[in-house]
Structure formats: C-alpha cells, structure tokens
C-alpha cells in the first residue's frame, strides 16, 4: 500500500507534506532523478532538465485512510482505489488471495484506456 506524488517543484511537495503531517500522516519526500539524468521509459529517452521528486505515504493504515477521503475523478483510479479498499476490508495479505481480482481489474482498465 503506497501513494506517491511526483513533481519538480519541491516547495509544493513540501507544502503538501506539511498539510498531511498536520492531518496525522507520515509523508516522506525524496529526489528520484537528478537534473541531467537520462533514462529509458517505454522505448523513449527521457532527460530531466530539473531535479524530480516524490512524496510518498507508505504506511498501510495511512494509505487506506487517505484513499478513502481523496476526491479521485479518473474512473480507472476510482476502480483501483475501490479494489484496494475491498482487499483491505477483507484482510487479504497474500498475493494468491488477490491475484485474480487485481488481474481482472487491470485488464478491464487496459481495455478502457485509449492506446
């Protein structure tokens, strides 16, 4: 269970982290790519012109709590959230217990998204 926010503006991410801390969450911020770093993604070369950061909430209970109050608008993300909440409520902890459901939802989302 993890929620990640990415961006180049570390001041905005720090503001979000401060807000989340005041609400009882434990966010972390780290740099994931340095300015000038190059990597391949989907057979494309990406060169970062600025440092790139991520804010992360990784404690299971905090992730579930935040997911249950976030105003999510994209249908595929709503589906993913609903599956995570269902899995948490059922107390599933092993991949074998959730693999079928996760695979089904991923396939349905992939079929709905434009290529």
N, C-alpha and C. Protein backbone atom coordinates (compact mmCIF):
# COMPACT_ATOMS: atom_id res chain seq x y z
N UNK A 1 0.84 -1.17 0.00
CA UNK A 1 0.00 0.00 0.00
C UNK A 1 0.88 1.23 0.00
N UNK A 2 0.77 2.02 -1.06
CA UNK A 2 1.58 3.24 -1.15
C UNK A 2 0.88 4.24 -2.06
N UNK A 3 0.99 5.50 -1.70
CA UNK A 3 0.52 6.60 -2.55
C UNK A 3 1.74 7.47 -2.82
N UNK A 4 1.97 7.78 -4.11
CA UNK A 4 3.11 8.60 -4.49
C UNK A 4 2.64 9.78 -5.32
N UNK A 5 3.20 10.94 -5.02
CA UNK A 5 3.00 12.15 -5.82
C UNK A 5 4.37 12.55 -6.35
N UNK A 6 4.44 12.90 -7.62
CA UNK A 6 5.71 13.26 -8.24
C UNK A 6 5.67 14.70 -8.73
N UNK A 7 6.83 15.34 -8.78
CA UNK A 7 6.90 16.69 -9.34
C UNK A 7 8.29 17.27 -9.26
N UNK A 8 8.47 18.37 -9.99
CA UNK A 8 9.76 19.06 -9.99
C UNK A 8 9.81 20.17 -8.95
N UNK A 9 8.66 20.64 -8.51
CA UNK A 9 8.63 21.74 -7.55
C UNK A 9 8.60 21.18 -6.12
N UNK A 10 9.78 21.09 -5.53
CA UNK A 10 9.90 20.51 -4.19
C UNK A 10 9.18 21.35 -3.14
N UNK A 11 9.04 22.66 -3.39
CA UNK A 11 8.34 23.51 -2.42
C UNK A 11 6.85 23.16 -2.35
N UNK A 12 6.25 22.86 -3.48
CA UNK A 12 4.85 22.43 -3.48
C UNK A 12 4.71 21.10 -2.75
N UNK A 13 5.61 20.16 -3.04
CA UNK A 13 5.55 18.86 -2.37
C UNK A 13 5.76 19.01 -0.86
N UNK A 14 6.64 19.91 -0.46
CA UNK A 14 6.83 20.16 0.99
C UNK A 14 5.57 20.74 1.62
N UNK A 15 4.89 21.61 0.88
CA UNK A 15 3.63 22.17 1.38
C UNK A 15 2.58 21.09 1.56
N UNK A 16 2.50 20.18 0.60
CA UNK A 16 1.56 19.06 0.70
C UNK A 16 1.95 18.17 1.88
N UNK A 17 3.25 17.92 2.02
CA UNK A 17 3.73 17.08 3.13
C UNK A 17 3.40 17.72 4.48
N UNK A 18 3.60 19.03 4.60
CA UNK A 18 3.26 19.73 5.84
C UNK A 18 1.77 19.61 6.16
N UNK A 19 0.93 19.79 5.14
CA UNK A 19 -0.51 19.65 5.32
C UNK A 19 -0.86 18.24 5.80
N UNK A 20 -0.28 17.24 5.14
CA UNK A 20 -0.56 15.85 5.51
C UNK A 20 -0.09 15.54 6.94
N UNK A 21 1.07 16.08 7.32
CA UNK A 21 1.57 15.88 8.69
C UNK A 21 0.60 16.47 9.71
N UNK A 22 0.07 17.65 9.42
CA UNK A 22 -0.89 18.27 10.34
C UNK A 22 -2.17 17.43 10.46
N UNK A 23 -2.47 16.63 9.42
CA UNK A 23 -3.64 15.76 9.44
C UNK A 23 -3.34 14.38 10.02
N UNK A 24 -2.08 14.16 10.46
CA UNK A 24 -1.74 12.90 11.12
C UNK A 24 -1.05 11.86 10.25
N UNK A 25 -0.69 12.24 9.04
CA UNK A 25 0.00 11.30 8.14
C UNK A 25 1.52 11.44 8.31
N UNK A 26 2.24 10.48 7.76
CA UNK A 26 3.70 10.47 7.85
C UNK A 26 4.31 10.42 6.44
N UNK A 27 4.30 11.55 5.72
CA UNK A 27 4.84 11.55 4.36
C UNK A 27 6.36 11.64 4.36
N UNK A 28 6.96 11.13 3.29
CA UNK A 28 8.39 11.30 3.07
C UNK A 28 8.58 11.91 1.68
N UNK A 29 9.64 12.70 1.54
CA UNK A 29 9.98 13.30 0.25
C UNK A 29 11.41 12.90 -0.09
N UNK A 30 11.61 12.53 -1.35
CA UNK A 30 12.96 12.20 -1.80
C UNK A 30 13.14 12.56 -3.26
N UNK A 31 14.37 12.79 -3.65
CA UNK A 31 14.68 13.06 -5.06
C UNK A 31 14.83 11.71 -5.76
N UNK A 32 14.12 11.53 -6.86
CA UNK A 32 14.19 10.27 -7.59
C UNK A 32 15.03 10.37 -8.85
N UNK A 33 15.17 11.58 -9.42
CA UNK A 33 16.03 11.79 -10.58
C UNK A 33 16.71 13.15 -10.45
N UNK A 34 17.99 13.18 -10.79
CA UNK A 34 18.76 14.42 -10.75
C UNK A 34 18.67 15.14 -12.09
N UNK A 35 18.84 16.46 -12.05
CA UNK A 35 18.90 17.26 -13.27
C UNK A 35 19.99 16.69 -14.17
N UNK A 36 19.66 16.49 -15.45
CA UNK A 36 20.62 15.95 -16.40
C UNK A 36 20.61 14.44 -16.53
N UNK A 37 19.95 13.76 -15.60
CA UNK A 37 19.90 12.30 -15.64
C UNK A 37 19.08 11.83 -16.84
N UNK A 38 19.49 10.73 -17.44
CA UNK A 38 18.82 10.18 -18.61
C UNK A 38 18.35 8.77 -18.28
N UNK A 39 17.15 8.43 -18.77
CA UNK A 39 16.64 7.06 -18.59
C UNK A 39 15.72 6.72 -19.75
N UNK A 40 15.50 5.44 -19.93
CA UNK A 40 14.56 4.95 -20.94
C UNK A 40 13.22 4.65 -20.29
N UNK A 41 12.14 5.04 -20.95
CA UNK A 41 10.80 4.73 -20.49
C UNK A 41 9.94 4.47 -21.72
N UNK A 42 9.38 3.28 -21.82
CA UNK A 42 8.57 2.89 -22.98
C UNK A 42 9.31 3.14 -24.29
N UNK A 43 10.56 2.74 -24.33
CA UNK A 43 11.43 2.88 -25.51
C UNK A 43 11.70 4.33 -25.89
N UNK A 44 11.49 5.25 -24.97
CA UNK A 44 11.77 6.67 -25.21
C UNK A 44 12.84 7.14 -24.23
N UNK A 45 13.70 8.02 -24.71
CA UNK A 45 14.75 8.58 -23.86
C UNK A 45 14.19 9.81 -23.16
N UNK A 46 14.32 9.83 -21.85
CA UNK A 46 13.87 10.96 -21.06
C UNK A 46 15.10 11.57 -20.39
N UNK A 47 15.28 12.88 -20.61
CA UNK A 47 16.37 13.62 -19.96
C UNK A 47 15.72 14.66 -19.05
N UNK A 48 16.08 14.63 -17.79
CA UNK A 48 15.49 15.52 -16.82
C UNK A 48 16.20 16.87 -16.84
N UNK A 49 15.43 17.96 -17.04
CA UNK A 49 16.01 19.29 -17.06
C UNK A 49 15.98 19.94 -15.67
N UNK A 50 15.33 19.28 -14.73
CA UNK A 50 15.29 19.71 -13.33
C UNK A 50 15.31 18.46 -12.46
N UNK A 51 15.64 18.64 -11.18
CA UNK A 51 15.51 17.52 -10.25
C UNK A 51 14.03 17.12 -10.17
N UNK A 52 13.79 15.84 -9.94
CA UNK A 52 12.44 15.29 -9.92
C UNK A 52 12.24 14.59 -8.58
N UNK A 53 11.16 14.93 -7.88
CA UNK A 53 10.95 14.46 -6.51
C UNK A 53 9.68 13.62 -6.40
N UNK A 54 9.62 12.86 -5.31
CA UNK A 54 8.38 12.13 -5.00
C UNK A 54 8.05 12.31 -3.53
N UNK A 55 6.76 12.46 -3.27
CA UNK A 55 6.21 12.45 -1.92
C UNK A 55 5.51 11.11 -1.79
N UNK A 56 5.73 10.46 -0.67
CA UNK A 56 5.21 9.10 -0.51
C UNK A 56 4.54 8.92 0.84
N UNK A 57 3.38 8.28 0.81
CA UNK A 57 2.71 7.79 2.02
C UNK A 57 2.74 6.28 1.89
N UNK A 58 3.37 5.59 2.84
CA UNK A 58 3.58 4.14 2.66
C UNK A 58 3.06 3.29 3.82
N UNK A 59 2.60 3.90 4.87
CA UNK A 59 2.04 3.09 5.97
C UNK A 59 0.64 2.65 5.58
N UNK A 60 0.38 1.36 5.73
CA UNK A 60 -0.87 0.77 5.23
C UNK A 60 -2.10 1.51 5.74
N UNK A 61 -2.20 1.72 7.03
CA UNK A 61 -3.39 2.36 7.60
C UNK A 61 -3.53 3.80 7.10
N UNK A 62 -2.40 4.51 6.96
CA UNK A 62 -2.44 5.89 6.47
C UNK A 62 -2.85 5.93 5.00
N UNK A 63 -2.36 4.98 4.23
CA UNK A 63 -2.70 4.92 2.81
C UNK A 63 -4.20 4.67 2.64
N UNK A 64 -4.72 3.73 3.38
CA UNK A 64 -6.15 3.42 3.30
C UNK A 64 -6.99 4.62 3.75
N UNK A 65 -6.58 5.26 4.83
CA UNK A 65 -7.30 6.43 5.34
C UNK A 65 -7.32 7.55 4.29
N UNK A 66 -6.16 7.82 3.68
CA UNK A 66 -6.07 8.87 2.68
C UNK A 66 -6.87 8.52 1.42
N UNK A 67 -6.77 7.27 0.99
CA UNK A 67 -7.55 6.84 -0.19
C UNK A 67 -9.04 7.00 0.02
N UNK A 68 -9.49 6.80 1.23
CA UNK A 68 -10.92 6.86 1.49
C UNK A 68 -11.46 8.29 1.50
N UNK A 69 -10.59 9.30 1.58
CA UNK A 69 -11.06 10.70 1.60
C UNK A 69 -10.60 11.51 0.39
N UNK A 70 -9.69 10.98 -0.41
CA UNK A 70 -9.22 11.72 -1.60
C UNK A 70 -10.34 11.84 -2.64
N UNK A 71 -10.53 13.04 -3.20
CA UNK A 71 -11.53 13.20 -4.25
C UNK A 71 -10.95 12.77 -5.61
N UNK A 72 -11.03 11.50 -5.90
CA UNK A 72 -10.47 10.95 -7.14
C UNK A 72 -11.50 11.07 -8.25
N UNK A 73 -11.07 11.53 -9.44
CA UNK A 73 -12.01 11.77 -10.53
C UNK A 73 -11.88 10.77 -11.68
N UNK A 74 -10.69 10.26 -11.93
CA UNK A 74 -10.48 9.36 -13.07
C UNK A 74 -11.06 7.98 -12.76
N UNK A 75 -11.85 7.48 -13.70
CA UNK A 75 -12.57 6.22 -13.46
C UNK A 75 -11.63 5.06 -13.17
N UNK A 76 -10.49 4.99 -13.87
CA UNK A 76 -9.58 3.87 -13.63
C UNK A 76 -8.94 3.96 -12.25
N UNK A 77 -8.70 5.17 -11.77
CA UNK A 77 -8.13 5.32 -10.44
C UNK A 77 -9.17 5.05 -9.36
N UNK A 78 -10.41 5.39 -9.63
CA UNK A 78 -11.50 5.06 -8.71
C UNK A 78 -11.62 3.54 -8.58
N UNK A 79 -11.52 2.83 -9.71
CA UNK A 79 -11.59 1.36 -9.69
C UNK A 79 -10.45 0.78 -8.87
N UNK A 80 -9.23 1.29 -9.08
CA UNK A 80 -8.08 0.80 -8.32
C UNK A 80 -8.25 1.06 -6.83
N UNK A 81 -8.72 2.26 -6.49
CA UNK A 81 -8.95 2.59 -5.08
C UNK A 81 -9.98 1.64 -4.47
N UNK A 82 -11.08 1.42 -5.18
CA UNK A 82 -12.13 0.56 -4.65
C UNK A 82 -11.63 -0.87 -4.40
N UNK A 83 -10.78 -1.36 -5.31
CA UNK A 83 -10.22 -2.70 -5.12
C UNK A 83 -9.31 -2.72 -3.90
N UNK A 84 -8.48 -1.69 -3.75
CA UNK A 84 -7.59 -1.64 -2.58
C UNK A 84 -8.38 -1.62 -1.28
N UNK A 85 -9.43 -0.81 -1.24
CA UNK A 85 -10.24 -0.73 -0.02
C UNK A 85 -10.93 -2.07 0.26
N UNK A 86 -11.40 -2.72 -0.79
CA UNK A 86 -12.05 -4.04 -0.64
C UNK A 86 -11.06 -5.07 -0.10
N UNK A 87 -9.87 -5.09 -0.67
CA UNK A 87 -8.83 -6.02 -0.23
C UNK A 87 -8.48 -5.77 1.23
N UNK A 88 -8.34 -4.51 1.60
CA UNK A 88 -8.01 -4.17 2.99
C UNK A 88 -9.13 -4.61 3.93
N UNK A 89 -10.38 -4.34 3.55
CA UNK A 89 -11.51 -4.71 4.40
C UNK A 89 -11.62 -6.23 4.58
N UNK A 90 -11.23 -6.98 3.56
CA UNK A 90 -11.29 -8.44 3.63
C UNK A 90 -10.11 -9.02 4.40
N UNK A 91 -9.11 -8.21 4.70
CA UNK A 91 -7.96 -8.68 5.45
C UNK A 91 -7.00 -9.54 4.64
N UNK A 92 -7.05 -9.41 3.32
CA UNK A 92 -6.16 -10.20 2.45
C UNK A 92 -4.73 -9.70 2.59
N UNK A 93 -3.80 -10.64 2.70
CA UNK A 93 -2.39 -10.26 2.83
C UNK A 93 -1.48 -10.99 1.85
N UNK A 94 -1.98 -12.04 1.21
CA UNK A 94 -1.15 -12.83 0.30
C UNK A 94 -1.57 -12.57 -1.15
N UNK A 95 -0.56 -12.54 -2.03
CA UNK A 95 -0.82 -12.32 -3.45
C UNK A 95 -1.80 -13.35 -4.00
N UNK A 96 -1.67 -14.58 -3.59
CA UNK A 96 -2.56 -15.64 -4.09
C UNK A 96 -4.03 -15.33 -3.79
N UNK A 97 -4.28 -14.57 -2.72
CA UNK A 97 -5.65 -14.23 -2.34
C UNK A 97 -6.24 -13.11 -3.18
N UNK A 98 -5.39 -12.29 -3.79
CA UNK A 98 -5.89 -11.11 -4.52
C UNK A 98 -5.52 -11.11 -6.00
N UNK A 99 -4.68 -12.04 -6.41
CA UNK A 99 -4.16 -12.04 -7.78
C UNK A 99 -5.27 -12.02 -8.83
N UNK A 100 -6.28 -12.86 -8.67
CA UNK A 100 -7.35 -12.96 -9.66
C UNK A 100 -8.09 -11.63 -9.80
N UNK A 101 -8.45 -11.04 -8.69
CA UNK A 101 -9.19 -9.77 -8.71
C UNK A 101 -8.35 -8.64 -9.29
N UNK A 102 -7.10 -8.54 -8.88
CA UNK A 102 -6.21 -7.48 -9.37
C UNK A 102 -6.00 -7.64 -10.87
N UNK A 103 -5.74 -8.84 -11.32
CA UNK A 103 -5.51 -9.10 -12.74
C UNK A 103 -6.75 -8.74 -13.57
N UNK A 104 -7.91 -9.09 -13.07
CA UNK A 104 -9.15 -8.78 -13.78
C UNK A 104 -9.36 -7.27 -13.91
N UNK A 105 -9.16 -6.54 -12.82
CA UNK A 105 -9.35 -5.09 -12.84
C UNK A 105 -8.32 -4.43 -13.76
N UNK A 106 -7.07 -4.88 -13.71
CA UNK A 106 -6.05 -4.32 -14.60
C UNK A 106 -6.41 -4.52 -16.06
N UNK A 107 -6.89 -5.70 -16.40
CA UNK A 107 -7.27 -5.99 -17.79
C UNK A 107 -8.46 -5.12 -18.22
N UNK A 108 -9.43 -4.96 -17.35
CA UNK A 108 -10.58 -4.12 -17.67
C UNK A 108 -10.16 -2.67 -17.89
N UNK A 109 -9.29 -2.17 -17.04
CA UNK A 109 -8.80 -0.79 -17.18
C UNK A 109 -8.01 -0.64 -18.47
N UNK A 110 -7.14 -1.60 -18.78
CA UNK A 110 -6.35 -1.54 -20.00
C UNK A 110 -7.24 -1.51 -21.25
N UNK A 111 -8.35 -2.22 -21.22
CA UNK A 111 -9.28 -2.25 -22.35
C UNK A 111 -10.02 -0.93 -22.51
N UNK A 112 -10.23 -0.21 -21.40
CA UNK A 112 -10.96 1.06 -21.45
C UNK A 112 -10.09 2.24 -21.85
N UNK A 113 -8.79 2.18 -21.52
CA UNK A 113 -7.91 3.32 -21.80
C UNK A 113 -7.54 3.38 -23.27
N UNK A 114 -7.46 4.60 -23.82
CA UNK A 114 -7.02 4.73 -25.22
C UNK A 114 -5.55 4.36 -25.33
N UNK A 115 -5.16 3.76 -26.46
CA UNK A 115 -3.76 3.35 -26.61
C UNK A 115 -2.91 4.44 -27.18
